Amino acid sequence: MSGEFGPKIAGLLLAAGLSKRMGAVNKLTLKIGGVEMVRRAARNLVDCGLDVFVVLGHERDDVTAALSGLDVTLVDNPDYREGQPSSMRAGLKAAGGDYDAVLVALADQPLLDARDLTGLLAAYEGSDEAKIMIPFYGGERGNPIVLPRTIVEEIGGWPVNFGCRKFIERNPDRIAVYQAPNDHFTRDIDTPEALAALEHA
């Protein structure tokens, strides 16, 4: 994404996880409103005009099938069992250094839509673009986050989750807060109970 004078931003979707808390099924291929969760998330990024990179690992073929026809770049993470930081590193490496910032999104937030993401990106463009933009709602931190290139270039092999409380507490000078207008940024689907609550909302 890049406006006439705005930053060029890539979308990085982390879709390699083991989905352990959901039980025997891969939550990313579950359908919400008839559309797989991972496809909804990728489509939102595409609809924002971003160059989209999707990191794959667990049940790669099934997740790939759910993304069929979307204009995205698929990135394999052979180390996906090591957790989310490994997927972030794989995705950032694939995106390369051609972007001013990278929006890092999770694939299990079906309430998010392109309008939500556009609001976050607009806030980033209007902020100190050297800082990590993190959404909050009702005092709770959420996702996606926006990483500026200066931070991306520092990451290297850091085993870091940039949205985690410890990083935020230790680096307050490197954080910009986006006060989200709704809970779409803080709602994810990790368990059968969370899925049932969403379906009956």
C-alpha atoms as a PDB file:
ATOM      1  CA  MET A   1       0.000   0.000   0.000  1.00  0.00           C
ATOM      2  CA  SER A   2       1.215   3.470  -0.744  1.00  0.00           C
ATOM      3  CA  GLY A   3      -0.600   6.711  -1.209  1.00  0.00           C
ATOM      4  CA  GLU A   4       0.788   9.363  -3.536  1.00  0.00           C
ATOM      5  CA  PHE A   5       3.024  10.607  -0.737  1.00  0.00           C
ATOM      6  CA  GLY A   6       2.413   7.924   1.878  1.00  0.00           C
ATOM      7  CA  PRO A   7       4.544   5.007   3.015  1.00  0.00           C
ATOM      8  CA  LYS A   8       4.726   1.747   1.105  1.00  0.00           C
ATOM      9  CA  ILE A   9       3.304  -0.945   3.399  1.00  0.00           C
ATOM     10  CA  ALA A  10       3.266  -4.737   3.054  1.00  0.00           C
ATOM     11  CA  GLY A  11       0.765  -7.067   4.692  1.00  0.00           C
ATOM     12  CA  LEU A  12       2.176 -10.096   6.514  1.00  0.00           C
ATOM     13  CA  LEU A  13      -0.344 -12.756   7.554  1.00  0.00           C
ATOM     14  CA  LEU A  14       0.820 -15.367  10.065  1.00  0.00           C
ATOM     15  CA  ALA A  15      -1.018 -18.593   9.216  1.00  0.00           C
ATOM     16  CA  ALA A  16       1.431 -21.333  10.195  1.00  0.00           C
ATOM     17  CA  GLY A  17       0.319 -22.164  13.753  1.00  0.00           C
ATOM     18  CA  LEU A  18      -0.630 -25.544  15.169  1.00  0.00           C
ATOM     19  CA  SER A  19      -4.118 -24.469  16.318  1.00  0.00           C
ATOM     20  CA  LYS A  20      -3.734 -26.683  19.406  1.00  0.00           C
ATOM     21  CA  ARG A  21      -6.438 -25.070  21.532  1.00  0.00           C
ATOM     22  CA  MET A  22      -9.097 -25.695  18.879  1.00  0.00           C
ATOM     23  CA  GLY A  23      -8.668 -29.454  19.182  1.00  0.00           C
ATOM     24  CA  ALA A  24      -8.503 -31.786  16.199  1.00  0.00           C
ATOM     25  CA  VAL A  25      -9.424 -29.191  13.572  1.00  0.00           C
ATOM     26  CA  ASN A  26      -7.336 -26.397  12.099  1.00  0.00           C
ATOM     27  CA  LYS A  27      -9.168 -23.226  13.066  1.00  0.00           C
ATOM     28  CA  LEU A  28      -7.820 -21.363  10.048  1.00  0.00           C
ATOM     29  CA  THR A  29      -9.783 -23.528   7.626  1.00  0.00           C
ATOM     30  CA  LEU A  30     -13.013 -23.313   9.624  1.00  0.00           C
ATOM     31  CA  LYS A  31     -15.679 -21.296   7.831  1.00  0.00           C
ATOM     32  CA  ILE A  32     -17.240 -18.170   9.293  1.00  0.00           C
ATOM     33  CA  GLY A  33     -20.149 -16.949   7.224  1.00  0.00           C
ATOM     34  CA  GLY A  34     -19.218 -19.508   4.594  1.00  0.00           C
ATOM     35  CA  VAL A  35     -15.606 -18.300   4.229  1.00  0.00           C
ATOM     36  CA  GLU A  36     -12.500 -19.851   5.776  1.00  0.00           C
ATOM     37  CA  MET A  37     -10.962 -17.702   8.516  1.00  0.00           C
ATOM     38  CA  VAL A  38      -7.579 -17.548   6.803  1.00  0.00           C
ATOM     39  CA  ARG A  39      -9.182 -16.495   3.515  1.00  0.00           C
ATOM     40  CA  ARG A  40     -11.164 -13.722   5.221  1.00  0.00           C
ATOM     41  CA  ALA A  41      -7.986 -12.396   6.826  1.00  0.00           C
ATOM     42  CA  ALA A  42      -5.956 -12.518   3.600  1.00  0.00           C
ATOM     43  CA  ARG A  43      -8.760 -10.945   1.581  1.00  0.00           C
ATOM     44  CA  ASN A  44      -8.956  -8.022   4.024  1.00  0.00           C
ATOM     45  CA  LEU A  45      -5.277  -7.289   3.453  1.00  0.00           C
ATOM     46  CA  VAL A  46      -5.664  -7.547  -0.323  1.00  0.00           C
ATOM     47  CA  ASP A  47      -8.704  -5.246  -0.191  1.00  0.00           C
ATOM     48  CA  CYS A  48      -6.540  -2.626   1.556  1.00  0.00           C
ATOM     49  CA  GLY A  49      -4.247  -2.578  -1.458  1.00  0.00           C
ATOM     50  CA  LEU A  50      -1.317  -4.205   0.321  1.00  0.00           C
ATOM     51  CA  ASP A  51       1.241  -6.575  -1.135  1.00  0.00           C
ATOM     52  CA  VAL A  52       0.351  -9.642   0.925  1.00  0.00           C
ATOM     53  CA  PHE A  53       2.678 -12.371   2.208  1.00  0.00           C
ATOM     54  CA  VAL A  54       1.109 -15.385   3.945  1.00  0.00           C
ATOM     55  CA  VAL A  55       3.332 -17.565   6.130  1.00  0.00           C
ATOM     56  CA  LEU A  56       2.402 -21.247   6.041  1.00  0.00           C
ATOM     57  CA  GLY A  57       3.377 -24.244   8.133  1.00  0.00           C
ATOM     58  CA  HIS A  58       0.826 -26.504   9.851  1.00  0.00           C
ATOM     59  CA  GLU A  59      -1.442 -28.272   7.313  1.00  0.00           C
ATOM     60  CA  ARG A  60       0.090 -26.217   4.545  1.00  0.00           C
ATOM     61  CA  ASP A  61      -1.897 -27.807   1.712  1.00  0.00           C
ATOM     62  CA  ASP A  62      -5.282 -27.201   3.362  1.00  0.00           C
ATOM     63  CA  VAL A  63      -4.459 -23.578   4.153  1.00  0.00           C
ATOM     64  CA  THR A  64      -3.129 -23.059   0.620  1.00  0.00           C
ATOM     65  CA  ALA A  65      -6.368 -24.426  -0.820  1.00  0.00           C
ATOM     66  CA  ALA A  66      -8.370 -21.973   1.289  1.00  0.00           C
ATOM     67  CA  LEU A  67      -6.367 -19.109  -0.268  1.00  0.00           C
ATOM     68  CA  SER A  68      -6.955 -20.216  -3.860  1.00  0.00           C
ATOM     69  CA  GLY A  69      -7.398 -17.355  -6.312  1.00  0.00           C
ATOM     70  CA  LEU A  70      -6.185 -14.587  -3.989  1.00  0.00           C
ATOM     71  CA  ASP A  71      -3.306 -12.356  -5.053  1.00  0.00           C
ATOM     72  CA  VAL A  72      -0.929 -13.310  -2.244  1.00  0.00           C
ATOM     73  CA  THR A  73       2.630 -14.577  -1.952  1.00  0.00           C
ATOM     74  CA  LEU A  74       2.959 -17.839  -0.024  1.00  0.00           C
ATOM     75  CA  VAL A  75       5.918 -18.210   2.344  1.00  0.00           C
ATOM     76  CA  ASP A  76       6.939 -21.542   3.863  1.00  0.00           C
ATOM     77  CA  ASN A  77       8.147 -21.624   7.459  1.00  0.00           C
ATOM     78  CA  PRO A  78       9.783 -25.002   8.087  1.00  0.00           C
ATOM     79  CA  ASP A  79      10.343 -23.959  11.712  1.00  0.00           C
ATOM     80  CA  TYR A  80       6.674 -23.179  12.434  1.00  0.00           C
ATOM     81  CA  ARG A  81       6.613 -25.517  15.433  1.00  0.00           C
ATOM     82  CA  GLU A  82       8.955 -23.084  17.187  1.00  0.00           C
ATOM     83  CA  GLY A  83       6.130 -20.572  17.427  1.00  0.00           C
ATOM     84  CA  GLN A  84       4.996 -17.222  16.117  1.00  0.00           C
ATOM     85  CA  PRO A  85       8.358 -15.393  16.191  1.00  0.00           C
ATOM     86  CA  SER A  86       9.752 -17.901  13.682  1.00  0.00           C
ATOM     87  CA  SER A  87       6.867 -17.168  11.313  1.00  0.00           C
ATOM     88  CA  MET A  88       7.376 -13.441  11.701  1.00  0.00           C
ATOM     89  CA  ARG A  89      11.050 -13.758  10.828  1.00  0.00           C
ATOM     90  CA  ALA A  90      10.252 -15.927   7.775  1.00  0.00           C
ATOM     91  CA  GLY A  91       7.646 -13.457   6.551  1.00  0.00           C
ATOM     92  CA  LEU A  92       9.771 -10.370   7.067  1.00  0.00           C
ATOM     93  CA  LYS A  93      12.659 -12.020   5.240  1.00  0.00           C
ATOM     94  CA  ALA A  94      10.382 -12.860   2.316  1.00  0.00           C
ATOM     95  CA  ALA A  95       9.020  -9.320   2.145  1.00  0.00           C
ATOM     96  CA  GLY A  96      12.563  -7.980   1.951  1.00  0.00           C
ATOM     97  CA  GLY A  97      13.568  -4.367   2.410  1.00  0.00           C
ATOM     98  CA  ASP A  98      11.322  -2.806  -0.211  1.00  0.00           C
ATOM     99  CA  TYR A  99       8.687  -1.530   2.228  1.00  0.00           C
ATOM    100  CA  ASP A 100       8.531   1.406   4.621  1.00  0.00           C
ATOM    101  CA  ALA A 101       6.471  -0.670   7.049  1.00  0.00           C
ATOM    102  CA  VAL A 102       4.864  -4.076   7.474  1.00  0.00           C
ATOM    103  CA  LEU A 103       1.407  -4.710   8.911  1.00  0.00           C
ATOM    104  CA  VAL A 104       1.662  -8.021  10.800  1.00  0.00           C
ATOM    105  CA  ALA A 105      -1.726  -9.739  11.088  1.00  0.00           C
ATOM    106  CA  LEU A 106      -3.081 -12.922  12.609  1.00  0.00           C
ATOM    107  CA  ALA A 107      -5.407 -15.217  10.672  1.00  0.00           C
ATOM    108  CA  ASP A 108      -7.898 -15.946  13.471  1.00  0.00           C
ATOM    109  CA  GLN A 109      -9.644 -12.566  13.862  1.00  0.00           C
ATOM    110  CA  PRO A 110     -12.809 -12.941  11.759  1.00  0.00           C
ATOM    111  CA  LEU A 111     -14.470  -9.764  13.076  1.00  0.00           C
ATOM    112  CA  LEU A 112     -11.820  -7.591  11.430  1.00  0.00           C
ATOM    113  CA  ASP A 113     -12.589  -6.141   8.024  1.00  0.00           C
ATOM    114  CA  ALA A 114     -10.786  -3.908   5.553  1.00  0.00           C
ATOM    115  CA  ARG A 115     -12.325  -0.781   7.097  1.00  0.00           C
ATOM    116  CA  ASP A 116     -10.783  -1.638  10.458  1.00  0.00           C
ATOM    117  CA  LEU A 117      -7.389  -2.131   8.871  1.00  0.00           C
ATOM    118  CA  THR A 118      -7.683   1.089   6.873  1.00  0.00           C
ATOM    119  CA  GLY A 119      -8.282   2.969  10.127  1.00  0.00           C
ATOM    120  CA  LEU A 120      -5.175   1.439  11.688  1.00  0.00           C
ATOM    121  CA  LEU A 121      -3.049   2.239   8.641  1.00  0.00           C
ATOM    122  CA  ALA A 122      -4.315   5.817   8.528  1.00  0.00           C
ATOM    123  CA  ALA A 123      -3.386   6.226  12.191  1.00  0.00           C
ATOM    124  CA  TYR A 124       0.087   4.886  11.460  1.00  0.00           C
ATOM    125  CA  GLU A 125       0.569   7.281   8.553  1.00  0.00           C
ATOM    126  CA  GLY A 126      -0.417  10.160  10.817  1.00  0.00           C
ATOM    127  CA  SER A 127       1.905   9.109  13.639  1.00  0.00           C
ATOM    128  CA  ASP A 128       5.619   8.909  14.342  1.00  0.00           C
ATOM    129  CA  GLU A 129       6.435   6.329  11.680  1.00  0.00           C
ATOM    130  CA  ALA A 130       9.550   5.199  13.560  1.00  0.00           C
ATOM    131  CA  LYS A 131       7.364   3.567  16.216  1.00  0.00           C
ATOM    132  CA  ILE A 132       5.451   0.297  16.328  1.00  0.00           C
ATOM    133  CA  MET A 133       1.721   0.965  16.054  1.00  0.00           C
ATOM    134  CA  ILE A 134      -0.306  -1.275  18.384  1.00  0.00           C
ATOM    135  CA  PRO A 135      -4.116  -1.157  18.645  1.00  0.00           C
ATOM    136  CA  PHE A 136      -5.827  -1.085  22.027  1.00  0.00           C
ATOM    137  CA  TYR A 137      -9.488  -1.343  22.912  1.00  0.00           C
ATOM    138  CA  GLY A 138     -10.811  -0.958  26.446  1.00  0.00           C
ATOM    139  CA  GLY A 139      -7.272  -1.108  27.772  1.00  0.00           C
ATOM    140  CA  GLU A 140      -6.586  -4.445  26.049  1.00  0.00           C
ATOM    141  CA  ARG A 141      -3.881  -4.696  23.407  1.00  0.00           C
ATOM    142  CA  GLY A 142      -4.808  -6.201  20.074  1.00  0.00           C
ATOM    143  CA  ASN A 143      -3.665  -7.079  16.566  1.00  0.00           C
ATOM    144  CA  PRO A 144      -2.605  -6.412  13.827  1.00  0.00           C
ATOM    145  CA  ILE A 145       0.451  -4.277  14.544  1.00  0.00           C
ATOM    146  CA  VAL A 146       2.456  -2.103  12.156  1.00  0.00           C
ATOM    147  CA  LEU A 147       6.252  -2.419  12.186  1.00  0.00           C
ATOM    148  CA  PRO A 148       8.309   0.397  10.655  1.00  0.00           C
ATOM    149  CA  ARG A 149      11.289  -0.553   8.502  1.00  0.00           C
ATOM    150  CA  THR A 150      13.740   0.727  11.124  1.00  0.00           C
ATOM    151  CA  ILE A 151      12.419  -1.906  13.531  1.00  0.00           C
ATOM    152  CA  VAL A 152      12.215  -4.611  10.854  1.00  0.00           C
ATOM    153  CA  GLU A 153      15.893  -4.074  10.035  1.00  0.00           C
ATOM    154  CA  GLU A 154      16.822  -4.551  13.692  1.00  0.00           C
ATOM    155  CA  ILE A 155      14.934  -7.793  14.219  1.00  0.00           C
ATOM    156  CA  GLY A 156      17.360 -10.302  12.723  1.00  0.00           C
ATOM    157  CA  GLY A 157      17.153 -13.367  14.908  1.00  0.00           C
ATOM    158  CA  TRP A 158      15.370 -11.753  17.852  1.00  0.00           C
ATOM    159  CA  PRO A 159      12.964 -14.232  19.520  1.00  0.00           C
ATOM    160  CA  VAL A 160      10.499 -11.380  20.005  1.00  0.00           C
ATOM    161  CA  ASN A 161       6.713 -11.070  20.026  1.00  0.00           C
ATOM    162  CA  PHE A 162       6.275  -7.332  19.490  1.00  0.00           C
ATOM    163  CA  GLY A 163       2.736  -7.331  20.807  1.00  0.00           C
ATOM    164  CA  CYS A 164       3.652  -8.978  24.097  1.00  0.00           C
ATOM    165  CA  ARG A 165       3.330  -7.124  27.377  1.00  0.00           C
ATOM    166  CA  LYS A 166       7.029  -7.441  28.263  1.00  0.00           C
ATOM    167  CA  PHE A 167       8.197  -5.808  25.046  1.00  0.00           C
ATOM    168  CA  ILE A 168       5.675  -2.986  25.442  1.00  0.00           C
ATOM    169  CA  GLU A 169       6.635  -2.384  29.072  1.00  0.00           C
ATOM    170  CA  ARG A 170      10.363  -2.398  28.311  1.00  0.00           C
ATOM    171  CA  ASN A 171      10.134  -0.195  25.212  1.00  0.00           C
ATOM    172  CA  PRO A 172       7.439   2.435  25.796  1.00  0.00           C
ATOM    173  CA  ASP A 173       9.384   4.962  23.724  1.00  0.00           C
ATOM    174  CA  ARG A 174       9.076   2.698  20.682  1.00  0.00           C
ATOM    175  CA  ILE A 175       5.301   2.210  20.861  1.00  0.00           C
ATOM    176  CA  ALA A 176       2.517   4.288  19.315  1.00  0.00           C
ATOM    177  CA  VAL A 177      -1.003   3.466  20.530  1.00  0.00           C
ATOM    178  CA  TYR A 178      -4.021   3.266  18.241  1.00  0.00           C
ATOM    179  CA  GLN A 179      -7.235   3.590  20.228  1.00  0.00           C
ATOM    180  CA  ALA A 180      -9.432   1.249  18.231  1.00  0.00           C
ATOM    181  CA  PRO A 181     -13.116   2.112  17.766  1.00  0.00           C
ATOM    182  CA  ASN A 182     -14.312  -1.466  18.395  1.00  0.00           C
ATOM    183  CA  ASP A 183     -13.291  -4.849  19.787  1.00  0.00           C
ATOM    184  CA  HIS A 184     -12.512  -6.375  16.399  1.00  0.00           C
ATOM    185  CA  PHE A 185      -8.803  -5.928  17.122  1.00  0.00           C
ATOM    186  CA  THR A 186      -8.944  -7.787  20.436  1.00  0.00           C
ATOM    187  CA  ARG A 187     -11.231 -10.713  19.517  1.00  0.00           C
ATOM    188  CA  ASP A 188      -9.660 -13.899  18.227  1.00  0.00           C
ATOM    189  CA  ILE A 189     -10.861 -17.468  17.871  1.00  0.00           C
ATOM    190  CA  ASP A 190      -8.623 -19.897  19.751  1.00  0.00           C
ATOM    191  CA  THR A 191     -11.065 -22.399  21.241  1.00  0.00           C
ATOM    192  CA  PRO A 192     -14.351 -24.155  20.390  1.00  0.00           C
ATOM    193  CA  GLU A 193     -16.006 -22.006  23.056  1.00  0.00           C
ATOM    194  CA  ALA A 194     -14.822 -18.790  21.377  1.00  0.00           C
ATOM    195  CA  LEU A 195     -16.096 -20.068  18.039  1.00  0.00           C
ATOM    196  CA  ALA A 196     -19.487 -20.956  19.503  1.00  0.00           C
ATOM    197  CA  ALA A 197     -19.748 -17.514  21.153  1.00  0.00           C
ATOM    198  CA  LEU A 198     -19.033 -15.843  17.818  1.00  0.00           C
ATOM    199  CA  GLU A 199     -21.570 -17.945  15.936  1.00  0.00           C
ATOM    200  CA  HIS A 200     -24.305 -17.177  18.479  1.00  0.00           C
ATOM    201  CA  ALA A 201     -23.499 -13.481  18.899  1.00  0.00           C
END
